[in-house]
Amino acid sequence: MEDLKNTLKESLEFYLEQEKTIISRLALLQKGNIKRKNIKGETYYYLQYRKGLRVIDEYIGKEIPEQLLEQKKQKKQLELQLKKTREAIRLLHEKPSKESDLTSPIRDILAKLTEEKLWDAGVEIIGSWCFLFYQKYLPIEKYPLKTQDLDILIPLPYKGRQFDFALFLRGLGFEERFNLDGSIFYSGNLLKVEFLAPQRGKGSKHTEYVKQISVSPQLLRFLDILNEEPITISIARGIKVKVPAPACFMLHKLLLSTRATRKEKMEKDLRQVVIAGKFVITNKNELSKLKNQWGKFPETWKKLIKNALKKSLDLFPLEAEAIKAVAAILQ
């Protein structure tokens, strides 16, 4: 529970600092609103603002200067971001439920995966829990993130030792559930444990049963990226976790954010991209992995990623410097 309290405290501090930064940025922008007036059939533009008790209409010309249009766009983005930030601050001031502490089942699962040497077989933790491990054990910027999904990546073909995942999870109190494609996930302990595997090419939309570990993973595109050059983190005595390299995580999230099925999660995906990107471009090993993976991608993927980076510029104007630095590398 202490870990949870610390996470909430860090989350609140993050958003309070974010609020100060946004307010400072807004203060630097041109005050007032652009007004259009039609005089004798001609259109003229004015900058309208208040000075004391007076309302000033300052003439700016027959066309709106590009600089003012850009500032207007930035102001709209910053005001939206400020609204979201203040809503997050309000929610974080509320007392969390004791049921939010998921430390125990996660720890048990990771300990068992370490004991059974499944990390050596290429099994990885991906998704939001992977990002949480980055934040806790790597020098990466903190970003409040809540998830109940533990996504476990299974490489295909699987070449590791035998282990009955189903029996183990049922022993922890999880119940077996089925997706429409026949893949199996486990629900319980305020957590959903899901198994995923790479879908290659057009591939099959149906799952396949991996007999050695008693799982039927859901097949998804782009997961092969996460198998490239993963890292292993020691999280406690005798317990390890294998996760994708942050560079590969970032590229995967960029591609994922372009999928129509991820529309509602796009902003969260791109926020994680920005934070991971700031770490990657300052870490020699991760920067090398980023360039290496980028060189292997087909042009269609590269185009999608560049479009996603442009979208992230619109969503996070305060992070423009970091986003442009990543975009410059991916040329």
C-alpha atoms as a PDB file:
ATOM      1  CA  MET A   1       0.000   0.000   0.000  1.00  0.00           C
ATOM      2  CA  GLU A   2       2.953   2.324   0.648  1.00  0.00           C
ATOM      3  CA  ASP A   3       3.955   1.968  -3.024  1.00  0.00           C
ATOM      4  CA  LEU A   4       0.456   3.009  -4.033  1.00  0.00           C
ATOM      5  CA  LYS A   5       0.558   6.083  -1.772  1.00  0.00           C
ATOM      6  CA  ASN A   6       3.921   7.097  -3.223  1.00  0.00           C
ATOM      7  CA  THR A   7       2.600   6.662  -6.772  1.00  0.00           C
ATOM      8  CA  LEU A   8      -0.429   8.859  -6.047  1.00  0.00           C
ATOM      9  CA  LYS A   9       1.792  11.503  -4.433  1.00  0.00           C
ATOM     10  CA  GLU A  10       4.114  11.516  -7.461  1.00  0.00           C
ATOM     11  CA  SER A  11       1.092  11.695  -9.780  1.00  0.00           C
ATOM     12  CA  LEU A  12      -0.297  14.743  -7.962  1.00  0.00           C
ATOM     13  CA  GLU A  13       3.103  16.453  -8.006  1.00  0.00           C
ATOM     14  CA  PHE A  14       3.377  15.758 -11.750  1.00  0.00           C
ATOM     15  CA  TYR A  15       0.043  17.397 -12.517  1.00  0.00           C
ATOM     16  CA  LEU A  16       0.614  20.377 -10.198  1.00  0.00           C
ATOM     17  CA  GLU A  17       3.913  21.055 -11.963  1.00  0.00           C
ATOM     18  CA  GLN A  18       2.187  20.575 -15.321  1.00  0.00           C
ATOM     19  CA  GLU A  19      -0.451  23.145 -14.324  1.00  0.00           C
ATOM     20  CA  LYS A  20       2.232  25.735 -13.488  1.00  0.00           C
ATOM     21  CA  THR A  21       4.012  25.127 -16.799  1.00  0.00           C
ATOM     22  CA  ILE A  22       0.833  25.475 -18.869  1.00  0.00           C
ATOM     23  CA  ILE A  23      -0.204  28.686 -17.075  1.00  0.00           C
ATOM     24  CA  SER A  24       3.288  30.123 -17.700  1.00  0.00           C
ATOM     25  CA  ARG A  25       3.068  29.234 -21.399  1.00  0.00           C
ATOM     26  CA  LEU A  26      -0.375  30.829 -21.704  1.00  0.00           C
ATOM     27  CA  ALA A  27       0.913  34.021 -20.082  1.00  0.00           C
ATOM     28  CA  LEU A  28       3.522  34.390 -22.844  1.00  0.00           C
ATOM     29  CA  LEU A  29       0.961  34.220 -25.661  1.00  0.00           C
ATOM     30  CA  GLN A  30      -0.691  37.288 -27.187  1.00  0.00           C
ATOM     31  CA  LYS A  31      -3.710  38.351 -25.148  1.00  0.00           C
ATOM     32  CA  GLY A  32      -7.124  38.935 -26.698  1.00  0.00           C
ATOM     33  CA  ASN A  33      -9.300  37.516 -29.473  1.00  0.00           C
ATOM     34  CA  ILE A  34      -9.254  38.054 -33.206  1.00  0.00           C
ATOM     35  CA  LYS A  35     -12.367  39.868 -34.445  1.00  0.00           C
ATOM     36  CA  ARG A  36     -13.507  40.344 -38.045  1.00  0.00           C
ATOM     37  CA  LYS A  37     -15.298  43.505 -39.215  1.00  0.00           C
ATOM     38  CA  ASN A  38     -16.919  44.125 -42.579  1.00  0.00           C
ATOM     39  CA  ILE A  39     -16.642  47.799 -43.569  1.00  0.00           C
ATOM     40  CA  LYS A  40     -18.008  48.948 -46.945  1.00  0.00           C
ATOM     41  CA  GLY A  41     -17.703  45.435 -48.344  1.00  0.00           C
ATOM     42  CA  GLU A  42     -14.132  45.002 -47.171  1.00  0.00           C
ATOM     43  CA  THR A  43     -13.004  42.617 -44.423  1.00  0.00           C
ATOM     44  CA  TYR A  44     -10.669  43.905 -41.720  1.00  0.00           C
ATOM     45  CA  TYR A  45      -9.206  42.075 -38.710  1.00  0.00           C
ATOM     46  CA  TYR A  46      -8.713  43.463 -35.220  1.00  0.00           C
ATOM     47  CA  LEU A  47      -7.144  42.146 -32.038  1.00  0.00           C
ATOM     48  CA  GLN A  48      -9.652  42.782 -29.251  1.00  0.00           C
ATOM     49  CA  TYR A  49      -8.458  42.824 -25.647  1.00  0.00           C
ATOM     50  CA  ARG A  50      -9.215  44.507 -22.332  1.00  0.00           C
ATOM     51  CA  LYS A  51      -6.972  47.198 -20.840  1.00  0.00           C
ATOM     52  CA  GLY A  52      -8.232  48.151 -17.409  1.00  0.00           C
ATOM     53  CA  LEU A  53     -11.904  48.988 -17.847  1.00  0.00           C
ATOM     54  CA  ARG A  54     -11.556  49.661 -21.572  1.00  0.00           C
ATOM     55  CA  VAL A  55     -11.981  47.229 -24.469  1.00  0.00           C
ATOM     56  CA  ILE A  56      -9.341  47.881 -27.143  1.00  0.00           C
ATOM     57  CA  ASP A  57      -9.752  47.016 -30.829  1.00  0.00           C
ATOM     58  CA  GLU A  58      -6.249  47.012 -32.320  1.00  0.00           C
ATOM     59  CA  TYR A  59      -6.182  46.886 -36.133  1.00  0.00           C
ATOM     60  CA  ILE A  60      -4.012  44.086 -37.512  1.00  0.00           C
ATOM     61  CA  GLY A  61      -4.827  44.170 -41.250  1.00  0.00           C
ATOM     62  CA  LYS A  62      -6.884  42.622 -44.017  1.00  0.00           C
ATOM     63  CA  GLU A  63      -5.330  39.235 -43.292  1.00  0.00           C
ATOM     64  CA  ILE A  64      -4.524  37.526 -40.028  1.00  0.00           C
ATOM     65  CA  PRO A  65      -0.743  37.296 -39.513  1.00  0.00           C
ATOM     66  CA  GLU A  66       0.556  33.731 -39.493  1.00  0.00           C
ATOM     67  CA  GLN A  67       2.127  34.294 -36.091  1.00  0.00           C
ATOM     68  CA  LEU A  68      -1.248  35.191 -34.548  1.00  0.00           C
ATOM     69  CA  LEU A  69      -2.907  32.139 -36.130  1.00  0.00           C
ATOM     70  CA  GLU A  70      -0.205  29.898 -34.684  1.00  0.00           C
ATOM     71  CA  GLN A  71      -0.578  31.495 -31.242  1.00  0.00           C
ATOM     72  CA  LYS A  72      -4.356  31.073 -31.415  1.00  0.00           C
ATOM     73  CA  LYS A  73      -3.870  27.375 -32.181  1.00  0.00           C
ATOM     74  CA  GLN A  74      -1.380  26.988 -29.309  1.00  0.00           C
ATOM     75  CA  LYS A  75      -3.717  28.791 -26.915  1.00  0.00           C
ATOM     76  CA  LYS A  76      -6.584  26.431 -27.744  1.00  0.00           C
ATOM     77  CA  GLN A  77      -4.358  23.378 -27.234  1.00  0.00           C
ATOM     78  CA  LEU A  78      -2.946  24.667 -23.953  1.00  0.00           C
ATOM     79  CA  GLU A  79      -6.370  25.587 -22.579  1.00  0.00           C
ATOM     80  CA  LEU A  80      -7.632  22.071 -23.360  1.00  0.00           C
ATOM     81  CA  GLN A  81      -4.556  20.549 -21.716  1.00  0.00           C
ATOM     82  CA  LEU A  82      -5.035  22.802 -18.671  1.00  0.00           C
ATOM     83  CA  LYS A  83      -8.635  21.633 -18.345  1.00  0.00           C
ATOM     84  CA  LYS A  84      -7.563  17.967 -18.379  1.00  0.00           C
ATOM     85  CA  THR A  85      -4.725  18.648 -15.935  1.00  0.00           C
ATOM     86  CA  ARG A  86      -7.026  20.331 -13.431  1.00  0.00           C
ATOM     87  CA  GLU A  87      -9.513  17.476 -13.698  1.00  0.00           C
ATOM     88  CA  ALA A  88      -6.686  15.020 -12.910  1.00  0.00           C
ATOM     89  CA  ILE A  89      -5.661  17.119  -9.882  1.00  0.00           C
ATOM     90  CA  ARG A  90      -9.240  17.071  -8.632  1.00  0.00           C
ATOM     91  CA  LEU A  91      -9.474  13.283  -8.967  1.00  0.00           C
ATOM     92  CA  LEU A  92      -6.108  12.704  -7.276  1.00  0.00           C
ATOM     93  CA  HIS A  93      -7.229  14.714  -4.249  1.00  0.00           C
ATOM     94  CA  GLU A  94      -9.931  12.095  -3.710  1.00  0.00           C
ATOM     95  CA  LYS A  95      -9.075   9.176  -1.409  1.00  0.00           C
ATOM     96  CA  PRO A  96      -8.210   5.952  -3.287  1.00  0.00           C
ATOM     97  CA  SER A  97      -9.940   2.669  -2.559  1.00  0.00           C
ATOM     98  CA  LYS A  98      -7.957   0.069  -0.613  1.00  0.00           C
ATOM     99  CA  GLU A  99      -8.807  -2.374  -3.414  1.00  0.00           C
ATOM    100  CA  SER A 100      -6.495  -0.436  -5.743  1.00  0.00           C
ATOM    101  CA  ASP A 101      -3.398  -2.195  -4.403  1.00  0.00           C
ATOM    102  CA  LEU A 102      -2.587  -4.939  -6.927  1.00  0.00           C
ATOM    103  CA  THR A 103       0.939  -5.590  -5.660  1.00  0.00           C
ATOM    104  CA  SER A 104       0.373  -9.116  -4.375  1.00  0.00           C
ATOM    105  CA  PRO A 105      -0.946 -10.986  -7.475  1.00  0.00           C
ATOM    106  CA  ILE A 106       1.503  -9.202  -9.775  1.00  0.00           C
ATOM    107  CA  ARG A 107       4.429 -10.110  -7.532  1.00  0.00           C
ATOM    108  CA  ASP A 108       3.296 -13.769  -7.360  1.00  0.00           C
ATOM    109  CA  ILE A 109       3.034 -14.011 -11.134  1.00  0.00           C
ATOM    110  CA  LEU A 110       6.435 -12.428 -11.777  1.00  0.00           C
ATOM    111  CA  ALA A 111       8.080 -14.606  -9.136  1.00  0.00           C
ATOM    112  CA  LYS A 112       6.663 -17.735 -10.784  1.00  0.00           C
ATOM    113  CA  LEU A 113       7.745 -16.661 -14.271  1.00  0.00           C
ATOM    114  CA  THR A 114      11.243 -16.095 -12.905  1.00  0.00           C
ATOM    115  CA  GLU A 115      11.286 -19.439 -11.085  1.00  0.00           C
ATOM    116  CA  GLU A 116      10.137 -21.338 -14.184  1.00  0.00           C
ATOM    117  CA  LYS A 117      12.700 -19.480 -16.371  1.00  0.00           C
ATOM    118  CA  LEU A 118      10.020 -18.376 -18.822  1.00  0.00           C
ATOM    119  CA  TRP A 119      11.844 -15.092 -19.437  1.00  0.00           C
ATOM    120  CA  ASP A 120      14.615 -17.184 -21.058  1.00  0.00           C
ATOM    121  CA  ALA A 121      12.039 -18.528 -23.522  1.00  0.00           C
ATOM    122  CA  GLY A 122      11.178 -15.028 -24.733  1.00  0.00           C
ATOM    123  CA  VAL A 123       8.096 -14.391 -22.594  1.00  0.00           C
ATOM    124  CA  GLU A 124       7.698 -10.658 -21.837  1.00  0.00           C
ATOM    125  CA  ILE A 125       5.422  -8.277 -19.966  1.00  0.00           C
ATOM    126  CA  ILE A 126       4.096  -5.683 -22.414  1.00  0.00           C
ATOM    127  CA  GLY A 127       1.408  -2.987 -22.432  1.00  0.00           C
ATOM    128  CA  SER A 128       0.774  -0.560 -19.587  1.00  0.00           C
ATOM    129  CA  TRP A 129       2.400  -2.718 -16.888  1.00  0.00           C
ATOM    130  CA  CYS A 130       5.578  -2.668 -18.930  1.00  0.00           C
ATOM    131  CA  PHE A 131       5.462   1.144 -18.858  1.00  0.00           C
ATOM    132  CA  LEU A 132       4.889   1.100 -15.101  1.00  0.00           C
ATOM    133  CA  PHE A 133       8.049  -0.982 -14.681  1.00  0.00           C
ATOM    134  CA  TYR A 134       9.957   1.544 -16.793  1.00  0.00           C
ATOM    135  CA  GLN A 135       8.872   4.340 -14.486  1.00  0.00           C
ATOM    136  CA  LYS A 136       9.717   2.477 -11.311  1.00  0.00           C
ATOM    137  CA  TYR A 137      13.081   1.016 -12.296  1.00  0.00           C
ATOM    138  CA  LEU A 138      14.477   3.231 -15.082  1.00  0.00           C
ATOM    139  CA  PRO A 139      15.380   6.951 -15.010  1.00  0.00           C
ATOM    140  CA  ILE A 140      12.229   7.837 -16.900  1.00  0.00           C
ATOM    141  CA  GLU A 141       9.731  10.645 -16.353  1.00  0.00           C
ATOM    142  CA  LYS A 142       6.766   9.821 -14.112  1.00  0.00           C
ATOM    143  CA  TYR A 143       3.294   9.720 -15.615  1.00  0.00           C
ATOM    144  CA  PRO A 144       0.228   8.537 -13.673  1.00  0.00           C
ATOM    145  CA  LEU A 145      -1.176   5.426 -15.284  1.00  0.00           C
ATOM    146  CA  LYS A 146      -3.864   3.083 -14.066  1.00  0.00           C
ATOM    147  CA  THR A 147      -4.449  -0.336 -15.601  1.00  0.00           C
ATOM    148  CA  GLN A 148      -6.043  -3.624 -14.643  1.00  0.00           C
ATOM    149  CA  ASP A 149      -4.662  -5.527 -17.653  1.00  0.00           C
ATOM    150  CA  LEU A 150      -1.482  -7.566 -17.355  1.00  0.00           C
ATOM    151  CA  ASP A 151      -0.452  -8.406 -20.926  1.00  0.00           C
ATOM    152  CA  ILE A 152       1.968 -11.313 -21.362  1.00  0.00           C
ATOM    153  CA  LEU A 153       3.681 -11.744 -24.725  1.00  0.00           C
ATOM    154  CA  ILE A 154       4.241 -15.336 -25.864  1.00  0.00           C
ATOM    155  CA  PRO A 155       6.734 -15.852 -28.721  1.00  0.00           C
ATOM    156  CA  LEU A 156       5.658 -18.234 -31.469  1.00  0.00           C
ATOM    157  CA  PRO A 157       6.814 -20.886 -31.954  1.00  0.00           C
ATOM    158  CA  TYR A 158       7.293 -21.305 -28.208  1.00  0.00           C
ATOM    159  CA  LYS A 159      10.532 -23.144 -27.355  1.00  0.00           C
ATOM    160  CA  GLY A 160      10.684 -22.932 -23.565  1.00  0.00           C
ATOM    161  CA  ARG A 161      10.143 -25.423 -20.780  1.00  0.00           C
ATOM    162  CA  GLN A 162       6.714 -26.773 -19.896  1.00  0.00           C
ATOM    163  CA  PHE A 163       4.579 -24.915 -17.380  1.00  0.00           C
ATOM    164  CA  ASP A 164       0.840 -25.101 -16.718  1.00  0.00           C
ATOM    165  CA  PHE A 165      -0.139 -21.432 -16.735  1.00  0.00           C
ATOM    166  CA  ALA A 166      -3.833 -22.241 -16.459  1.00  0.00           C
ATOM    167  CA  LEU A 167      -3.417 -24.336 -13.315  1.00  0.00           C
ATOM    168  CA  PHE A 168      -1.160 -21.742 -11.697  1.00  0.00           C
ATOM    169  CA  LEU A 169      -3.517 -18.802 -12.316  1.00  0.00           C
ATOM    170  CA  ARG A 170      -6.555 -20.736 -11.139  1.00  0.00           C
ATOM    171  CA  GLY A 171      -4.602 -21.494  -7.975  1.00  0.00           C
ATOM    172  CA  LEU A 172      -4.230 -17.730  -7.410  1.00  0.00           C
ATOM    173  CA  GLY A 173      -7.983 -17.267  -7.643  1.00  0.00           C
ATOM    174  CA  PHE A 174      -8.313 -16.297 -11.304  1.00  0.00           C
ATOM    175  CA  GLU A 175     -11.209 -17.543 -13.426  1.00  0.00           C
ATOM    176  CA  GLU A 176     -10.822 -18.646 -17.033  1.00  0.00           C
ATOM    177  CA  ARG A 177     -12.598 -16.571 -19.687  1.00  0.00           C
ATOM    178  CA  PHE A 178     -12.794 -16.733 -23.486  1.00  0.00           C
ATOM    179  CA  ASN A 179     -12.562 -14.048 -26.172  1.00  0.00           C
ATOM    180  CA  LEU A 180     -14.594 -14.362 -29.392  1.00  0.00           C
ATOM    181  CA  ASP A 181     -11.510 -15.530 -31.321  1.00  0.00           C
ATOM    182  CA  GLY A 182     -11.045 -18.475 -28.953  1.00  0.00           C
ATOM    183  CA  SER A 183      -8.157 -16.947 -27.006  1.00  0.00           C
ATOM    184  CA  ILE A 184      -8.218 -17.369 -23.233  1.00  0.00           C
ATOM    185  CA  PHE A 185      -7.725 -14.756 -20.535  1.00  0.00           C
ATOM    186  CA  TYR A 186      -7.967 -14.881 -16.741  1.00  0.00           C
ATOM    187  CA  SER A 187      -9.953 -12.554 -14.517  1.00  0.00           C
ATOM    188  CA  GLY A 188      -9.727 -12.078 -10.749  1.00  0.00           C
ATOM    189  CA  ASN A 189      -7.980 -10.180  -7.945  1.00  0.00           C
ATOM    190  CA  LEU A 190      -9.070  -6.908  -9.642  1.00  0.00           C
ATOM    191  CA  LEU A 191      -6.822  -7.903 -12.542  1.00  0.00           C
ATOM    192  CA  LYS A 192      -7.119  -9.289 -16.066  1.00  0.00           C
ATOM    193  CA  VAL A 193      -4.274 -11.498 -17.273  1.00  0.00           C
ATOM    194  CA  GLU A 194      -4.155 -11.764 -21.041  1.00  0.00           C
ATOM    195  CA  PHE A 195      -1.810 -13.655 -23.358  1.00  0.00           C
ATOM    196  CA  LEU A 196      -0.787 -12.133 -26.701  1.00  0.00           C
ATOM    197  CA  ALA A 197       1.307 -13.407 -29.592  1.00  0.00           C
ATOM    198  CA  PRO A 198       2.503 -11.915 -32.910  1.00  0.00           C
ATOM    199  CA  GLN A 199       0.231 -12.171 -35.931  1.00  0.00           C
ATOM    200  CA  ARG A 200       2.481 -12.341 -38.963  1.00  0.00           C
ATOM    201  CA  GLY A 201       1.423 -11.002 -42.338  1.00  0.00           C
ATOM    202  CA  LYS A 202      -2.333 -11.110 -42.801  1.00  0.00           C
ATOM    203  CA  GLY A 203      -2.227 -14.233 -40.665  1.00  0.00           C
ATOM    204  CA  SER A 204      -5.111 -16.005 -39.033  1.00  0.00           C
ATOM    205  CA  LYS A 205      -7.636 -14.152 -36.921  1.00  0.00           C
ATOM    206  CA  HIS A 206      -7.976 -17.208 -34.721  1.00  0.00           C
ATOM    207  CA  THR A 207      -5.695 -18.223 -31.905  1.00  0.00           C
ATOM    208  CA  GLU A 208      -3.585 -21.336 -31.539  1.00  0.00           C
ATOM    209  CA  TYR A 209      -3.169 -23.445 -28.415  1.00  0.00           C
ATOM    210  CA  VAL A 210       0.371 -23.486 -26.991  1.00  0.00           C
ATOM    211  CA  LYS A 211       0.429 -26.881 -25.335  1.00  0.00           C
ATOM    212  CA  GLN A 212       3.716 -26.473 -23.428  1.00  0.00           C
ATOM    213  CA  ILE A 213       2.308 -23.665 -21.272  1.00  0.00           C
ATOM    214  CA  SER A 214      -1.455 -24.319 -21.563  1.00  0.00           C
ATOM    215  CA  VAL A 215      -2.427 -20.970 -23.083  1.00  0.00           C
ATOM    216  CA  SER A 216      -4.303 -19.774 -26.165  1.00  0.00           C
ATOM    217  CA  PRO A 217      -2.917 -16.287 -26.916  1.00  0.00           C
ATOM    218  CA  GLN A 218      -4.694 -13.609 -28.891  1.00  0.00           C
ATOM    219  CA  LEU A 219      -2.865 -12.880 -32.163  1.00  0.00           C
ATOM    220  CA  LEU A 220      -2.143  -9.197 -32.850  1.00  0.00           C
ATOM    221  CA  ARG A 221      -0.129  -7.238 -35.415  1.00  0.00           C
ATOM    222  CA  PHE A 222       3.175  -5.448 -34.730  1.00  0.00           C
ATOM    223  CA  LEU A 223       4.029  -7.547 -31.640  1.00  0.00           C
ATOM    224  CA  ASP A 224       7.190  -8.892 -33.295  1.00  0.00           C
ATOM    225  CA  ILE A 225       8.691  -5.433 -32.714  1.00  0.00           C
ATOM    226  CA  LEU A 226       8.535  -5.996 -28.955  1.00  0.00           C
ATOM    227  CA  ASN A 227      10.549  -9.220 -29.221  1.00  0.00           C
ATOM    228  CA  GLU A 228      13.552  -7.325 -30.557  1.00  0.00           C
ATOM    229  CA  GLU A 229      16.333  -6.652 -28.033  1.00  0.00           C
ATOM    230  CA  PRO A 230      14.237  -6.812 -24.805  1.00  0.00           C
ATOM    231  CA  ILE A 231      15.660  -5.857 -21.417  1.00  0.00           C
ATOM    232  CA  THR A 232      15.520  -7.678 -18.069  1.00  0.00           C
ATOM    233  CA  ILE A 233      14.919  -5.757 -14.844  1.00  0.00           C
ATOM    234  CA  SER A 234      15.544  -7.065 -11.320  1.00  0.00           C
ATOM    235  CA  ILE A 235      12.588  -5.885  -9.233  1.00  0.00           C
ATOM    236  CA  ALA A 236      13.280  -7.752  -5.987  1.00  0.00           C
ATOM    237  CA  ARG A 237      15.567 -10.444  -4.611  1.00  0.00           C
ATOM    238  CA  GLY A 238      15.118 -13.458  -6.879  1.00  0.00           C
ATOM    239  CA  ILE A 239      12.405 -11.804  -9.003  1.00  0.00           C
ATOM    240  CA  LYS A 240      12.980 -10.449 -12.490  1.00  0.00           C
ATOM    241  CA  VAL A 241      10.814  -9.157 -15.305  1.00  0.00           C
ATOM    242  CA  LYS A 242      11.558  -9.067 -19.016  1.00  0.00           C
ATOM    243  CA  VAL A 243      10.087  -6.130 -20.928  1.00  0.00           C
ATOM    244  CA  PRO A 244      10.552  -4.671 -24.425  1.00  0.00           C
ATOM    245  CA  ALA A 245      13.377  -2.227 -25.012  1.00  0.00           C
ATOM    246  CA  PRO A 246      11.962   1.298 -24.510  1.00  0.00           C
ATOM    247  CA  ALA A 247      12.935   2.111 -28.114  1.00  0.00           C
ATOM    248  CA  CYS A 248      10.868  -0.814 -29.404  1.00  0.00           C
ATOM    249  CA  PHE A 249       8.036  -0.003 -27.003  1.00  0.00           C
ATOM    250  CA  MET A 250       7.961   3.537 -28.399  1.00  0.00           C
ATOM    251  CA  LEU A 251       7.876   2.416 -32.051  1.00  0.00           C
ATOM    252  CA  HIS A 252       5.172  -0.142 -31.293  1.00  0.00           C
ATOM    253  CA  LYS A 253       3.002   2.461 -29.533  1.00  0.00           C
ATOM    254  CA  LEU A 254       3.401   4.864 -32.453  1.00  0.00           C
ATOM    255  CA  LEU A 255       2.132   2.234 -34.877  1.00  0.00           C
ATOM    256  CA  LEU A 256      -0.606   1.154 -32.498  1.00  0.00           C
ATOM    257  CA  SER A 257      -1.885   4.719 -32.109  1.00  0.00           C
ATOM    258  CA  THR A 258      -2.742   4.814 -35.818  1.00  0.00           C
ATOM    259  CA  ARG A 259      -5.160   1.885 -35.600  1.00  0.00           C
ATOM    260  CA  ALA A 260      -8.852   2.758 -35.829  1.00  0.00           C
ATOM    261  CA  THR A 261      -9.554   0.379 -32.941  1.00  0.00           C
ATOM    262  CA  ARG A 262      -7.259   2.452 -30.674  1.00  0.00           C
ATOM    263  CA  LYS A 263      -8.928   5.806 -31.263  1.00  0.00           C
ATOM    264  CA  GLU A 264     -10.078   6.168 -27.655  1.00  0.00           C
ATOM    265  CA  LYS A 265      -6.620   5.220 -26.350  1.00  0.00           C
ATOM    266  CA  MET A 266      -4.604   7.245 -28.852  1.00  0.00           C
ATOM    267  CA  GLU A 267      -3.820  10.123 -26.490  1.00  0.00           C
ATOM    268  CA  LYS A 268      -2.606   7.743 -23.764  1.00  0.00           C
ATOM    269  CA  ASP A 269      -0.506   5.826 -26.312  1.00  0.00           C
ATOM    270  CA  LEU A 270       1.151   8.993 -27.604  1.00  0.00           C
ATOM    271  CA  ARG A 271       1.758  10.376 -24.107  1.00  0.00           C
ATOM    272  CA  GLN A 272       3.707   7.186 -23.323  1.00  0.00           C
ATOM    273  CA  VAL A 273       5.577   7.594 -26.622  1.00  0.00           C
ATOM    274  CA  VAL A 274       6.696  11.098 -25.670  1.00  0.00           C
ATOM    275  CA  ILE A 275       7.905  10.046 -22.225  1.00  0.00           C
ATOM    276  CA  ALA A 276       9.694   6.937 -23.514  1.00  0.00           C
ATOM    277  CA  GLY A 277      11.150   8.987 -26.368  1.00  0.00           C
ATOM    278  CA  LYS A 278      12.813  11.468 -24.005  1.00  0.00           C
ATOM    279  CA  PHE A 279      14.606   8.562 -22.330  1.00  0.00           C
ATOM    280  CA  VAL A 280      15.521   6.822 -25.594  1.00  0.00           C
ATOM    281  CA  ILE A 281      17.167   9.836 -27.264  1.00  0.00           C
ATOM    282  CA  THR A 282      19.372  10.411 -24.210  1.00  0.00           C
ATOM    283  CA  ASN A 283      20.433   6.763 -23.761  1.00  0.00           C
ATOM    284  CA  LYS A 284      23.152   5.502 -26.082  1.00  0.00           C
ATOM    285  CA  ASN A 285      22.004   1.854 -26.125  1.00  0.00           C
ATOM    286  CA  GLU A 286      18.345   2.679 -26.679  1.00  0.00           C
ATOM    287  CA  LEU A 287      19.169   5.224 -29.377  1.00  0.00           C
ATOM    288  CA  SER A 288      21.134   2.525 -31.207  1.00  0.00           C
ATOM    289  CA  LYS A 289      18.182   0.121 -30.932  1.00  0.00           C
ATOM    290  CA  LEU A 290      15.823   2.806 -32.234  1.00  0.00           C
ATOM    291  CA  LYS A 291      17.922   3.408 -35.342  1.00  0.00           C
ATOM    292  CA  ASN A 292      18.421  -0.324 -35.874  1.00  0.00           C
ATOM    293  CA  GLN A 293      14.693  -1.117 -35.736  1.00  0.00           C
ATOM    294  CA  TRP A 294      13.749   1.885 -37.833  1.00  0.00           C
ATOM    295  CA  GLY A 295      16.053   0.673 -40.596  1.00  0.00           C
ATOM    296  CA  LYS A 296      14.148  -2.635 -40.757  1.00  0.00           C
ATOM    297  CA  PHE A 297      10.681  -1.116 -41.118  1.00  0.00           C
ATOM    298  CA  PRO A 298       8.801  -1.035 -44.434  1.00  0.00           C
ATOM    299  CA  GLU A 299       7.990   2.402 -45.864  1.00  0.00           C
ATOM    300  CA  THR A 300       4.291   1.995 -45.038  1.00  0.00           C
ATOM    301  CA  TRP A 301       5.124   1.646 -41.328  1.00  0.00           C
ATOM    302  CA  LYS A 302       7.488   4.611 -41.459  1.00  0.00           C
ATOM    303  CA  LYS A 303       4.772   6.792 -42.958  1.00  0.00           C
ATOM    304  CA  LEU A 304       2.300   5.807 -40.223  1.00  0.00           C
ATOM    305  CA  ILE A 305       4.854   6.558 -37.506  1.00  0.00           C
ATOM    306  CA  LYS A 306       5.697   9.995 -38.936  1.00  0.00           C
ATOM    307  CA  ASN A 307       1.985  10.851 -39.050  1.00  0.00           C
ATOM    308  CA  ALA A 308       1.611   9.720 -35.427  1.00  0.00           C
ATOM    309  CA  LEU A 309       4.481  11.989 -34.376  1.00  0.00           C
ATOM    310  CA  LYS A 310       2.785  14.932 -36.094  1.00  0.00           C
ATOM    311  CA  LYS A 311      -0.384  14.129 -34.195  1.00  0.00           C
ATOM    312  CA  SER A 312       1.541  14.065 -30.918  1.00  0.00           C
ATOM    313  CA  LEU A 313       2.775  17.606 -31.648  1.00  0.00           C
ATOM    314  CA  ASP A 314      -0.841  18.774 -31.766  1.00  0.00           C
ATOM    315  CA  LEU A 315      -1.742  16.922 -28.571  1.00  0.00           C
ATOM    316  CA  PHE A 316       1.300  17.897 -26.505  1.00  0.00           C
ATOM    317  CA  PRO A 317       2.618  21.330 -27.521  1.00  0.00           C
ATOM    318  CA  LEU A 318       4.715  21.538 -24.357  1.00  0.00           C
ATOM    319  CA  GLU A 319       6.712  18.518 -25.548  1.00  0.00           C
ATOM    320  CA  ALA A 320       7.459  19.904 -29.022  1.00  0.00           C
ATOM    321  CA  GLU A 321      11.246  19.890 -28.512  1.00  0.00           C
ATOM    322  CA  ALA A 322      11.391  16.193 -27.575  1.00  0.00           C
ATOM    323  CA  ILE A 323       8.937  15.137 -30.294  1.00  0.00           C
ATOM    324  CA  LYS A 324      10.872  17.008 -32.984  1.00  0.00           C
ATOM    325  CA  ALA A 325      14.107  15.430 -31.753  1.00  0.00           C
ATOM    326  CA  VAL A 326      12.608  11.945 -32.186  1.00  0.00           C
ATOM    327  CA  ALA A 327      11.201  12.877 -35.604  1.00  0.00           C
ATOM    328  CA  ALA A 328      14.631  14.164 -36.709  1.00  0.00           C
ATOM    329  CA  ILE A 329      16.198  10.780 -35.864  1.00  0.00           C
ATOM    330  CA  LEU A 330      13.507   8.889 -37.777  1.00  0.00           C
ATOM    331  CA  GLN A 331      14.319  10.373 -41.196  1.00  0.00           C
END
